[in-house]
Amino acid sequence: MNQAIQPADLGFFSTLASAGSLSAAARELGVSTPAVSKHLAAMEARLGVPLVRRTTRRMSLTAEGERYLVQARRILADIDALHHSLGAARETPSGLLRVNATLGFGRSHVAPLVSRFARRYPQVQVQLQLSVSPPPLSDNAFDVCVRFGSPPDARVLARRLASNRRLLCAAPAYLARRGTPASVEELVRHDCIGIRQGDEAYGLWRLATARGRPQAVKIGGPLTTNDGGVAVNWALEGHGILLRAEWDIQAYLRSGRLVAVLPQYRSPDADIYAVYPPGQQLTARVRVFVDFLAAAFARHGVPARGE
């Protein structure tokens, strides 16, 4: 009698779930769509339960399929960990690496590093997706997510890649025209450039000194956007005061095109993290990629801190 669960089924089903459709899984596995359908049907017949709901437009996992996927990926991670413990660390990373990052930071910092990483590790195929808001980690759609601030869910695994601060700044021309605020309370009398970060509301800044508690500051101004690059350009053109990540404005602060405003204040929880689901940190391609990011940030003026 065939075993209900066969070792080859684990990787097959993990790939199928990540691909999202039979045809996409077939392309990734290098087989035909009927072959994928036949393999899945054989799995379900042996198990005696349906693992996938099929419709004309999409595929979704049943409750049994979700449980199977969690256990399958856990077993695959254990196998990979065993492989690593027996000397896999000396091997060249390979396979598919799915990375997510935010639009601005991903475009200007992560994408160039992915290019360098691909040249160094040509056996790794990197899929980089940039999004306005971080995807739900429960979707298991990515191996590594690069994001700002401590992960809100303690169940996920995270590594701090670099320290980062959000600082207040403005162009010298704006400050010459409107004056430099001497306190947080004076910000309400200034034009402030609003940026929407993820689900945050426009017009609200949370600022704190190194030892003080964060305080919410209601700001206003004629210009708001959800794109950080646009906001920086507006600040450079003298439209108002901006609260922006240090990595995005440090070159302009050094050159004098922007000037720090209320430098004792900053927005908390903006450090850069690599976040990944349990088990993924043990795969060679994920481990090496995260190490690569941390080393690169440290070399290029975004100082890494201890974990």
C-alpha atoms as a PDB file:
ATOM      1  CA  MET A   1       0.000   0.000   0.000  1.00  0.00           C
ATOM      2  CA  ASN A   2       1.307   3.471  -0.854  1.00  0.00           C
ATOM      3  CA  GLN A   3       1.974   5.778   2.069  1.00  0.00           C
ATOM      4  CA  ALA A   4      -0.599   8.556   2.400  1.00  0.00           C
ATOM      5  CA  ILE A   5       2.196  11.161   2.551  1.00  0.00           C
ATOM      6  CA  GLN A   6       5.255  10.738   0.356  1.00  0.00           C
ATOM      7  CA  PRO A   7       8.433  12.847   0.691  1.00  0.00           C
ATOM      8  CA  ALA A   8       8.143  14.248  -2.833  1.00  0.00           C
ATOM      9  CA  ASP A   9       4.660  15.553  -2.017  1.00  0.00           C
ATOM     10  CA  LEU A  10       5.983  18.068   0.521  1.00  0.00           C
ATOM     11  CA  GLY A  11       8.043  20.198  -1.834  1.00  0.00           C
ATOM     12  CA  PHE A  12       5.461  19.824  -4.591  1.00  0.00           C
ATOM     13  CA  PHE A  13       2.618  21.133  -2.418  1.00  0.00           C
ATOM     14  CA  SER A  14       4.721  23.998  -1.013  1.00  0.00           C
ATOM     15  CA  THR A  15       5.537  25.115  -4.561  1.00  0.00           C
ATOM     16  CA  LEU A  16       1.902  24.763  -5.629  1.00  0.00           C
ATOM     17  CA  ALA A  17       0.656  26.879  -2.712  1.00  0.00           C
ATOM     18  CA  SER A  18       3.251  29.617  -3.380  1.00  0.00           C
ATOM     19  CA  ALA A  19       2.531  29.663  -7.110  1.00  0.00           C
ATOM     20  CA  GLY A  20      -1.202  30.167  -6.572  1.00  0.00           C
ATOM     21  CA  SER A  21      -2.385  28.176  -9.586  1.00  0.00           C
ATOM     22  CA  LEU A  22      -1.795  24.853 -11.297  1.00  0.00           C
ATOM     23  CA  SER A  23      -0.393  26.498 -14.421  1.00  0.00           C
ATOM     24  CA  ALA A  24       2.017  28.723 -12.466  1.00  0.00           C
ATOM     25  CA  ALA A  25       3.201  25.723 -10.440  1.00  0.00           C
ATOM     26  CA  ALA A  26       3.701  23.780 -13.672  1.00  0.00           C
ATOM     27  CA  ARG A  27       5.942  26.531 -15.054  1.00  0.00           C
ATOM     28  CA  GLU A  28       7.997  26.651 -11.852  1.00  0.00           C
ATOM     29  CA  LEU A  29       8.319  22.865 -11.657  1.00  0.00           C
ATOM     30  CA  GLY A  30       9.068  22.509 -15.348  1.00  0.00           C
ATOM     31  CA  VAL A  31       6.213  20.087 -16.042  1.00  0.00           C
ATOM     32  CA  SER A  32       2.827  20.270 -17.751  1.00  0.00           C
ATOM     33  CA  THR A  33      -0.326  21.567 -16.049  1.00  0.00           C
ATOM     34  CA  PRO A  34      -2.038  18.141 -16.427  1.00  0.00           C
ATOM     35  CA  ALA A  35       0.952  16.578 -14.640  1.00  0.00           C
ATOM     36  CA  VAL A  36       0.509  18.966 -11.703  1.00  0.00           C
ATOM     37  CA  SER A  37      -3.232  18.241 -11.609  1.00  0.00           C
ATOM     38  CA  LYS A  38      -2.545  14.491 -11.661  1.00  0.00           C
ATOM     39  CA  HIS A  39       0.006  14.727  -8.828  1.00  0.00           C
ATOM     40  CA  LEU A  40      -2.405  16.772  -6.708  1.00  0.00           C
ATOM     41  CA  ALA A  41      -5.274  14.362  -7.363  1.00  0.00           C
ATOM     42  CA  ALA A  42      -3.081  11.427  -6.354  1.00  0.00           C
ATOM     43  CA  MET A  43      -2.140  13.183  -3.112  1.00  0.00           C
ATOM     44  CA  GLU A  44      -5.774  13.887  -2.274  1.00  0.00           C
ATOM     45  CA  ALA A  45      -6.772  10.303  -3.088  1.00  0.00           C
ATOM     46  CA  ARG A  46      -4.126   8.895  -0.759  1.00  0.00           C
ATOM     47  CA  LEU A  47      -5.033  11.309   2.040  1.00  0.00           C
ATOM     48  CA  GLY A  48      -8.781  10.957   1.587  1.00  0.00           C
ATOM     49  CA  VAL A  49      -9.380  14.713   1.949  1.00  0.00           C
ATOM     50  CA  PRO A  50      -9.413  17.634  -0.528  1.00  0.00           C
ATOM     51  CA  LEU A  51      -6.420  19.950  -0.194  1.00  0.00           C
ATOM     52  CA  VAL A  52      -7.340  22.553  -2.810  1.00  0.00           C
ATOM     53  CA  ARG A  53     -10.518  24.281  -3.947  1.00  0.00           C
ATOM     54  CA  ARG A  54     -10.494  24.829  -7.704  1.00  0.00           C
ATOM     55  CA  THR A  55     -12.560  27.431  -9.535  1.00  0.00           C
ATOM     56  CA  THR A  56     -12.323  28.744 -13.065  1.00  0.00           C
ATOM     57  CA  ARG A  57     -10.312  31.786 -11.959  1.00  0.00           C
ATOM     58  CA  ARG A  58      -8.378  30.900  -8.829  1.00  0.00           C
ATOM     59  CA  MET A  59      -7.185  28.219  -6.497  1.00  0.00           C
ATOM     60  CA  SER A  60      -7.378  28.259  -2.694  1.00  0.00           C
ATOM     61  CA  LEU A  61      -6.432  25.832   0.048  1.00  0.00           C
ATOM     62  CA  THR A  62      -8.976  23.978   2.134  1.00  0.00           C
ATOM     63  CA  ALA A  63      -8.581  23.870   5.917  1.00  0.00           C
ATOM     64  CA  GLU A  64      -6.867  20.492   5.498  1.00  0.00           C
ATOM     65  CA  GLY A  65      -4.646  21.995   2.813  1.00  0.00           C
ATOM     66  CA  GLU A  66      -3.623  24.823   5.132  1.00  0.00           C
ATOM     67  CA  ARG A  67      -2.656  22.318   7.856  1.00  0.00           C
ATOM     68  CA  TYR A  68      -0.789  20.190   5.322  1.00  0.00           C
ATOM     69  CA  LEU A  69       1.116  23.256   4.044  1.00  0.00           C
ATOM     70  CA  VAL A  70       2.201  24.379   7.523  1.00  0.00           C
ATOM     71  CA  GLN A  71       3.491  20.919   8.416  1.00  0.00           C
ATOM     72  CA  ALA A  72       5.086  20.390   5.002  1.00  0.00           C
ATOM     73  CA  ARG A  73       7.065  23.620   5.217  1.00  0.00           C
ATOM     74  CA  ARG A  74       8.067  22.832   8.789  1.00  0.00           C
ATOM     75  CA  ILE A  75       9.397  19.427   7.706  1.00  0.00           C
ATOM     76  CA  LEU A  76      11.192  20.958   4.720  1.00  0.00           C
ATOM     77  CA  ALA A  77      12.771  23.561   7.016  1.00  0.00           C
ATOM     78  CA  ASP A  78      13.891  20.792   9.404  1.00  0.00           C
ATOM     79  CA  ILE A  79      15.444  18.921   6.492  1.00  0.00           C
ATOM     80  CA  ASP A  80      17.215  22.081   5.380  1.00  0.00           C
ATOM     81  CA  ALA A  81      18.426  22.712   8.950  1.00  0.00           C
ATOM     82  CA  LEU A  82      19.813  19.165   9.126  1.00  0.00           C
ATOM     83  CA  HIS A  83      21.504  19.665   5.779  1.00  0.00           C
ATOM     84  CA  HIS A  84      23.015  22.913   7.066  1.00  0.00           C
ATOM     85  CA  SER A  85      24.243  21.266  10.273  1.00  0.00           C
ATOM     86  CA  LEU A  86      26.044  18.607   8.204  1.00  0.00           C
ATOM     87  CA  GLY A  87      28.013  21.177   6.241  1.00  0.00           C
ATOM     88  CA  ALA A  88      25.640  22.970   3.882  1.00  0.00           C
ATOM     89  CA  ALA A  89      27.039  26.327   4.996  1.00  0.00           C
ATOM     90  CA  ARG A  90      29.969  25.720   2.629  1.00  0.00           C
ATOM     91  CA  GLU A  91      27.688  25.227  -0.363  1.00  0.00           C
ATOM     92  CA  THR A  92      26.682  27.904  -2.843  1.00  0.00           C
ATOM     93  CA  PRO A  93      23.150  29.257  -2.172  1.00  0.00           C
ATOM     94  CA  SER A  94      20.649  28.364  -4.889  1.00  0.00           C
ATOM     95  CA  GLY A  95      16.945  28.345  -5.669  1.00  0.00           C
ATOM     96  CA  LEU A  96      14.133  30.903  -5.659  1.00  0.00           C
ATOM     97  CA  LEU A  97      14.299  33.824  -3.199  1.00  0.00           C
ATOM     98  CA  ARG A  98      11.131  35.973  -2.895  1.00  0.00           C
ATOM     99  CA  VAL A  99      11.823  39.452  -1.475  1.00  0.00           C
ATOM    100  CA  ASN A 100       9.428  42.279  -0.620  1.00  0.00           C
ATOM    101  CA  ALA A 101      10.301  45.892   0.212  1.00  0.00           C
ATOM    102  CA  THR A 102       8.592  49.272   0.302  1.00  0.00           C
ATOM    103  CA  LEU A 103       8.507  51.349  -2.869  1.00  0.00           C
ATOM    104  CA  GLY A 104      10.971  54.144  -2.082  1.00  0.00           C
ATOM    105  CA  PHE A 105      13.509  52.225  -0.026  1.00  0.00           C
ATOM    106  CA  GLY A 106      13.175  49.172  -2.225  1.00  0.00           C
ATOM    107  CA  ARG A 107      13.787  51.132  -5.414  1.00  0.00           C
ATOM    108  CA  SER A 108      16.758  53.174  -4.178  1.00  0.00           C
ATOM    109  CA  HIS A 109      18.469  50.736  -1.797  1.00  0.00           C
ATOM    110  CA  VAL A 110      17.214  47.140  -2.000  1.00  0.00           C
ATOM    111  CA  ALA A 111      17.041  46.836  -5.806  1.00  0.00           C
ATOM    112  CA  PRO A 112      20.700  47.873  -6.368  1.00  0.00           C
ATOM    113  CA  LEU A 113      21.781  45.400  -3.682  1.00  0.00           C
ATOM    114  CA  VAL A 114      19.733  42.648  -5.324  1.00  0.00           C
ATOM    115  CA  SER A 115      21.633  43.381  -8.551  1.00  0.00           C
ATOM    116  CA  ARG A 116      24.978  42.962  -6.767  1.00  0.00           C
ATOM    117  CA  PHE A 117      23.732  39.873  -4.935  1.00  0.00           C
ATOM    118  CA  ALA A 118      22.645  38.260  -8.219  1.00  0.00           C
ATOM    119  CA  ARG A 119      26.115  38.732  -9.695  1.00  0.00           C
ATOM    120  CA  ARG A 120      27.745  37.163  -6.651  1.00  0.00           C
ATOM    121  CA  TYR A 121      25.263  34.269  -6.343  1.00  0.00           C
ATOM    122  CA  PRO A 122      24.080  33.467  -9.886  1.00  0.00           C
ATOM    123  CA  GLN A 123      22.409  30.224  -8.768  1.00  0.00           C
ATOM    124  CA  VAL A 124      19.823  32.199  -6.747  1.00  0.00           C
ATOM    125  CA  GLN A 125      16.775  33.492  -8.644  1.00  0.00           C
ATOM    126  CA  VAL A 126      15.500  36.625  -6.871  1.00  0.00           C
ATOM    127  CA  GLN A 127      11.931  37.862  -7.254  1.00  0.00           C
ATOM    128  CA  LEU A 128      11.714  41.425  -5.876  1.00  0.00           C
ATOM    129  CA  GLN A 129       8.262  42.934  -5.325  1.00  0.00           C
ATOM    130  CA  LEU A 130       7.861  46.531  -4.181  1.00  0.00           C
ATOM    131  CA  SER A 131       4.653  47.599  -2.456  1.00  0.00           C
ATOM    132  CA  VAL A 132       3.249  50.688  -0.740  1.00  0.00           C
ATOM    133  CA  SER A 133       2.297  48.712   2.384  1.00  0.00           C
ATOM    134  CA  PRO A 134       4.014  45.606   3.792  1.00  0.00           C
ATOM    135  CA  PRO A 135       2.146  42.413   2.894  1.00  0.00           C
ATOM    136  CA  PRO A 136       0.583  40.281   5.659  1.00  0.00           C
ATOM    137  CA  LEU A 137       3.262  37.875   6.859  1.00  0.00           C
ATOM    138  CA  SER A 138       0.591  35.220   7.336  1.00  0.00           C
ATOM    139  CA  ASP A 139       0.294  34.967   3.533  1.00  0.00           C
ATOM    140  CA  ASN A 140       3.693  33.252   3.354  1.00  0.00           C
ATOM    141  CA  ALA A 141       4.127  34.857  -0.053  1.00  0.00           C
ATOM    142  CA  PHE A 142       7.708  36.032   0.576  1.00  0.00           C
ATOM    143  CA  ASP A 143      10.882  34.576   2.030  1.00  0.00           C
ATOM    144  CA  VAL A 144      12.214  37.946   3.224  1.00  0.00           C
ATOM    145  CA  CYS A 145      10.399  41.252   3.819  1.00  0.00           C
ATOM    146  CA  VAL A 146      12.493  44.401   4.339  1.00  0.00           C
ATOM    147  CA  ARG A 147      10.507  46.846   6.438  1.00  0.00           C
ATOM    148  CA  PHE A 148      10.760  49.732   8.884  1.00  0.00           C
ATOM    149  CA  GLY A 149       9.997  49.466  12.605  1.00  0.00           C
ATOM    150  CA  SER A 150       9.810  46.512  14.965  1.00  0.00           C
ATOM    151  CA  PRO A 151       7.511  43.755  13.658  1.00  0.00           C
ATOM    152  CA  PRO A 152       4.142  43.971  15.427  1.00  0.00           C
ATOM    153  CA  ASP A 153       3.754  40.184  15.590  1.00  0.00           C
ATOM    154  CA  ALA A 154       6.093  38.474  18.058  1.00  0.00           C
ATOM    155  CA  ARG A 155       5.528  35.119  16.332  1.00  0.00           C
ATOM    156  CA  VAL A 156       7.512  36.094  13.248  1.00  0.00           C
ATOM    157  CA  LEU A 157      11.290  36.120  13.093  1.00  0.00           C
ATOM    158  CA  ALA A 158      13.148  39.354  12.469  1.00  0.00           C
ATOM    159  CA  ARG A 159      16.703  40.616  12.286  1.00  0.00           C
ATOM    160  CA  ARG A 160      17.604  44.266  12.678  1.00  0.00           C
ATOM    161  CA  LEU A 161      19.647  45.208   9.632  1.00  0.00           C
ATOM    162  CA  ALA A 162      20.437  48.817  10.454  1.00  0.00           C
ATOM    163  CA  SER A 163      19.487  51.662  12.707  1.00  0.00           C
ATOM    164  CA  ASN A 164      17.430  54.428  11.185  1.00  0.00           C
ATOM    165  CA  ARG A 165      15.770  57.615  12.340  1.00  0.00           C
ATOM    166  CA  ARG A 166      13.053  59.834  10.928  1.00  0.00           C
ATOM    167  CA  LEU A 167      14.224  63.425  11.243  1.00  0.00           C
ATOM    168  CA  LEU A 168      12.660  66.838  10.729  1.00  0.00           C
ATOM    169  CA  CYS A 169      14.209  68.977   8.019  1.00  0.00           C
ATOM    170  CA  ALA A 170      13.518  71.851   5.638  1.00  0.00           C
ATOM    171  CA  ALA A 171      15.233  73.806   2.889  1.00  0.00           C
ATOM    172  CA  PRO A 172      17.198  76.919   3.975  1.00  0.00           C
ATOM    173  CA  ALA A 173      14.977  79.033   1.700  1.00  0.00           C
ATOM    174  CA  TYR A 174      11.834  77.945   3.547  1.00  0.00           C
ATOM    175  CA  LEU A 175      13.353  78.613   6.971  1.00  0.00           C
ATOM    176  CA  ALA A 176      14.594  82.035   5.814  1.00  0.00           C
ATOM    177  CA  ARG A 177      11.076  82.888   4.671  1.00  0.00           C
ATOM    178  CA  ARG A 178       9.056  81.427   7.557  1.00  0.00           C
ATOM    179  CA  GLY A 179      11.523  81.137  10.430  1.00  0.00           C
ATOM    180  CA  THR A 180      12.818  78.082  12.306  1.00  0.00           C
ATOM    181  CA  PRO A 181      10.482  76.540  14.903  1.00  0.00           C
ATOM    182  CA  ALA A 182      11.942  76.479  18.406  1.00  0.00           C
ATOM    183  CA  SER A 183       9.504  73.916  19.803  1.00  0.00           C
ATOM    184  CA  VAL A 184       7.228  71.104  18.667  1.00  0.00           C
ATOM    185  CA  GLU A 185       4.219  73.271  19.454  1.00  0.00           C
ATOM    186  CA  GLU A 186       5.328  75.815  16.833  1.00  0.00           C
ATOM    187  CA  LEU A 187       5.007  73.230  14.043  1.00  0.00           C
ATOM    188  CA  VAL A 188       1.267  73.934  13.846  1.00  0.00           C
ATOM    189  CA  ARG A 189       2.094  77.402  12.477  1.00  0.00           C
ATOM    190  CA  HIS A 190       4.256  76.015   9.683  1.00  0.00           C
ATOM    191  CA  ASP A 191       3.660  74.362   6.330  1.00  0.00           C
ATOM    192  CA  CYS A 192       4.464  70.685   6.859  1.00  0.00           C
ATOM    193  CA  ILE A 193       4.719  68.142   4.052  1.00  0.00           C
ATOM    194  CA  GLY A 194       2.588  65.107   4.900  1.00  0.00           C
ATOM    195  CA  ILE A 195       3.524  61.553   3.877  1.00  0.00           C
ATOM    196  CA  ARG A 196       1.224  58.609   4.341  1.00  0.00           C
ATOM    197  CA  GLN A 197       3.190  55.577   5.576  1.00  0.00           C
ATOM    198  CA  GLY A 198       1.191  52.352   5.188  1.00  0.00           C
ATOM    199  CA  ASP A 199      -2.045  52.650   7.136  1.00  0.00           C
ATOM    200  CA  GLU A 200      -0.986  55.782   9.042  1.00  0.00           C
ATOM    201  CA  ALA A 201      -3.248  58.808   8.763  1.00  0.00           C
ATOM    202  CA  TYR A 202      -2.157  62.002   7.039  1.00  0.00           C
ATOM    203  CA  GLY A 203      -1.322  64.970   9.215  1.00  0.00           C
ATOM    204  CA  LEU A 204      -0.143  63.235  12.402  1.00  0.00           C
ATOM    205  CA  TRP A 205       3.504  63.050  13.484  1.00  0.00           C
ATOM    206  CA  ARG A 206       4.755  61.171  16.538  1.00  0.00           C
ATOM    207  CA  LEU A 207       7.880  62.813  17.909  1.00  0.00           C
ATOM    208  CA  ALA A 208      10.052  62.167  20.926  1.00  0.00           C
ATOM    209  CA  THR A 209      13.410  63.163  22.346  1.00  0.00           C
ATOM    210  CA  ALA A 210      16.000  60.518  23.169  1.00  0.00           C
ATOM    211  CA  ARG A 211      14.600  60.123  26.713  1.00  0.00           C
ATOM    212  CA  GLY A 212      11.103  61.514  26.354  1.00  0.00           C
ATOM    213  CA  ARG A 213       7.829  59.796  25.594  1.00  0.00           C
ATOM    214  CA  PRO A 214       6.443  60.160  22.054  1.00  0.00           C
ATOM    215  CA  GLN A 215       3.861  62.886  21.577  1.00  0.00           C
ATOM    216  CA  ALA A 216       1.378  63.157  18.742  1.00  0.00           C
ATOM    217  CA  VAL A 217       1.632  66.399  16.784  1.00  0.00           C
ATOM    218  CA  LYS A 218      -1.127  67.500  14.424  1.00  0.00           C
ATOM    219  CA  ILE A 219       0.419  69.157  11.379  1.00  0.00           C
ATOM    220  CA  GLY A 220      -0.941  70.794   8.275  1.00  0.00           C
ATOM    221  CA  GLY A 221       0.166  72.188   4.963  1.00  0.00           C
ATOM    222  CA  PRO A 222      -0.809  72.510   1.312  1.00  0.00           C
ATOM    223  CA  LEU A 223       1.061  69.382   0.113  1.00  0.00           C
ATOM    224  CA  THR A 224       0.655  65.701   1.017  1.00  0.00           C
ATOM    225  CA  THR A 225       1.643  62.497  -0.770  1.00  0.00           C
ATOM    226  CA  ASN A 226       2.182  58.775  -0.276  1.00  0.00           C
ATOM    227  CA  ASP A 227       5.519  58.833  -2.117  1.00  0.00           C
ATOM    228  CA  GLY A 228       8.622  59.651  -0.099  1.00  0.00           C
ATOM    229  CA  GLY A 229      10.677  60.703  -3.108  1.00  0.00           C
ATOM    230  CA  VAL A 230       8.068  63.265  -4.117  1.00  0.00           C
ATOM    231  CA  ALA A 231       7.955  64.632  -0.563  1.00  0.00           C
ATOM    232  CA  VAL A 232      11.747  65.049  -0.445  1.00  0.00           C
ATOM    233  CA  ASN A 233      11.704  66.957  -3.732  1.00  0.00           C
ATOM    234  CA  TRP A 234       8.991  69.258  -2.371  1.00  0.00           C
ATOM    235  CA  ALA A 235      11.099  69.922   0.710  1.00  0.00           C
ATOM    236  CA  LEU A 236      14.148  70.679  -1.455  1.00  0.00           C
ATOM    237  CA  GLU A 237      12.015  73.172  -3.399  1.00  0.00           C
ATOM    238  CA  GLY A 238      11.159  75.001  -0.162  1.00  0.00           C
ATOM    239  CA  HIS A 239       7.534  73.979   0.280  1.00  0.00           C
ATOM    240  CA  GLY A 240       7.739  73.167   3.993  1.00  0.00           C
ATOM    241  CA  ILE A 241       9.059  71.056   6.854  1.00  0.00           C
ATOM    242  CA  LEU A 242       9.413  67.327   6.270  1.00  0.00           C
ATOM    243  CA  LEU A 243       9.683  64.300   8.578  1.00  0.00           C
ATOM    244  CA  ARG A 244      11.668  61.704   6.655  1.00  0.00           C
ATOM    245  CA  ALA A 245      13.904  58.682   7.169  1.00  0.00           C
ATOM    246  CA  GLU A 246      17.554  59.540   7.685  1.00  0.00           C
ATOM    247  CA  TRP A 247      18.685  57.247   4.845  1.00  0.00           C
ATOM    248  CA  ASP A 248      16.589  59.334   2.425  1.00  0.00           C
ATOM    249  CA  ILE A 249      17.846  62.792   3.418  1.00  0.00           C
ATOM    250  CA  GLN A 250      21.347  62.344   4.867  1.00  0.00           C
ATOM    251  CA  ALA A 251      23.081  63.352   1.605  1.00  0.00           C
ATOM    252  CA  TYR A 252      21.028  66.567   1.462  1.00  0.00           C
ATOM    253  CA  LEU A 253      21.766  67.315   5.123  1.00  0.00           C
ATOM    254  CA  ARG A 254      25.501  66.906   4.466  1.00  0.00           C
ATOM    255  CA  SER A 255      25.371  69.157   1.401  1.00  0.00           C
ATOM    256  CA  GLY A 256      23.262  71.816   3.144  1.00  0.00           C
ATOM    257  CA  ARG A 257      20.364  71.588   0.693  1.00  0.00           C
ATOM    258  CA  LEU A 258      18.272  70.565   3.713  1.00  0.00           C
ATOM    259  CA  VAL A 259      18.715  71.699   7.313  1.00  0.00           C
ATOM    260  CA  ALA A 260      17.782  69.790  10.459  1.00  0.00           C
ATOM    261  CA  VAL A 261      14.787  71.225  12.324  1.00  0.00           C
ATOM    262  CA  LEU A 262      14.341  70.517  16.056  1.00  0.00           C
ATOM    263  CA  PRO A 263      17.207  67.980  15.840  1.00  0.00           C
ATOM    264  CA  GLN A 264      16.540  66.729  19.368  1.00  0.00           C
ATOM    265  CA  TYR A 265      13.275  65.198  18.121  1.00  0.00           C
ATOM    266  CA  ARG A 266      12.764  62.150  15.956  1.00  0.00           C
ATOM    267  CA  SER A 267      10.061  59.672  15.106  1.00  0.00           C
ATOM    268  CA  PRO A 268      10.515  56.351  16.963  1.00  0.00           C
ATOM    269  CA  ASP A 269      10.569  52.790  15.637  1.00  0.00           C
ATOM    270  CA  ALA A 270      12.064  53.340  12.192  1.00  0.00           C
ATOM    271  CA  ASP A 271      14.933  50.830  12.286  1.00  0.00           C
ATOM    272  CA  ILE A 272      15.309  48.601   9.223  1.00  0.00           C
ATOM    273  CA  TYR A 273      14.434  44.915   9.695  1.00  0.00           C
ATOM    274  CA  ALA A 274      14.480  41.750   7.644  1.00  0.00           C
ATOM    275  CA  VAL A 275      11.391  39.724   8.542  1.00  0.00           C
ATOM    276  CA  TYR A 276      10.789  36.106   7.582  1.00  0.00           C
ATOM    277  CA  PRO A 277       8.556  33.208   8.611  1.00  0.00           C
ATOM    278  CA  PRO A 278       9.858  30.527  10.992  1.00  0.00           C
ATOM    279  CA  GLY A 279      12.275  28.116   9.352  1.00  0.00           C
ATOM    280  CA  GLN A 280      13.184  30.357   6.414  1.00  0.00           C
ATOM    281  CA  GLN A 281      16.129  31.907   8.236  1.00  0.00           C
ATOM    282  CA  LEU A 282      17.896  28.530   8.073  1.00  0.00           C
ATOM    283  CA  THR A 283      17.936  28.241   4.278  1.00  0.00           C
ATOM    284  CA  ALA A 284      21.272  29.189   2.764  1.00  0.00           C
ATOM    285  CA  ARG A 285      19.839  31.674   0.246  1.00  0.00           C
ATOM    286  CA  VAL A 286      17.839  33.572   2.897  1.00  0.00           C
ATOM    287  CA  ARG A 287      20.638  33.567   5.452  1.00  0.00           C
ATOM    288  CA  VAL A 288      23.252  34.724   2.937  1.00  0.00           C
ATOM    289  CA  PHE A 289      20.956  37.399   1.468  1.00  0.00           C
ATOM    290  CA  VAL A 290      20.148  38.911   4.870  1.00  0.00           C
ATOM    291  CA  ASP A 291      23.847  38.886   5.828  1.00  0.00           C
ATOM    292  CA  PHE A 292      24.581  40.573   2.490  1.00  0.00           C
ATOM    293  CA  LEU A 293      22.037  43.348   3.184  1.00  0.00           C
ATOM    294  CA  ALA A 294      23.324  43.997   6.709  1.00  0.00           C
ATOM    295  CA  ALA A 295      26.943  44.200   5.547  1.00  0.00           C
ATOM    296  CA  ALA A 296      26.048  46.514   2.668  1.00  0.00           C
ATOM    297  CA  PHE A 297      24.063  48.907   4.886  1.00  0.00           C
ATOM    298  CA  ALA A 298      26.937  49.030   7.367  1.00  0.00           C
ATOM    299  CA  ARG A 299      29.451  49.879   4.624  1.00  0.00           C
ATOM    300  CA  HIS A 300      27.369  52.636   3.071  1.00  0.00           C
ATOM    301  CA  GLY A 301      26.621  54.818   6.063  1.00  0.00           C
ATOM    302  CA  VAL A 302      23.528  53.169   7.535  1.00  0.00           C
ATOM    303  CA  PRO A 303      25.237  51.828  10.678  1.00  0.00           C
ATOM    304  CA  ALA A 304      24.095  48.392  11.798  1.00  0.00           C
ATOM    305  CA  ARG A 305      23.324  47.903  15.468  1.00  0.00           C
ATOM    306  CA  GLY A 306      23.522  44.809  17.611  1.00  0.00           C
ATOM    307  CA  GLU A 307      20.664  42.349  17.447  1.00  0.00           C
END
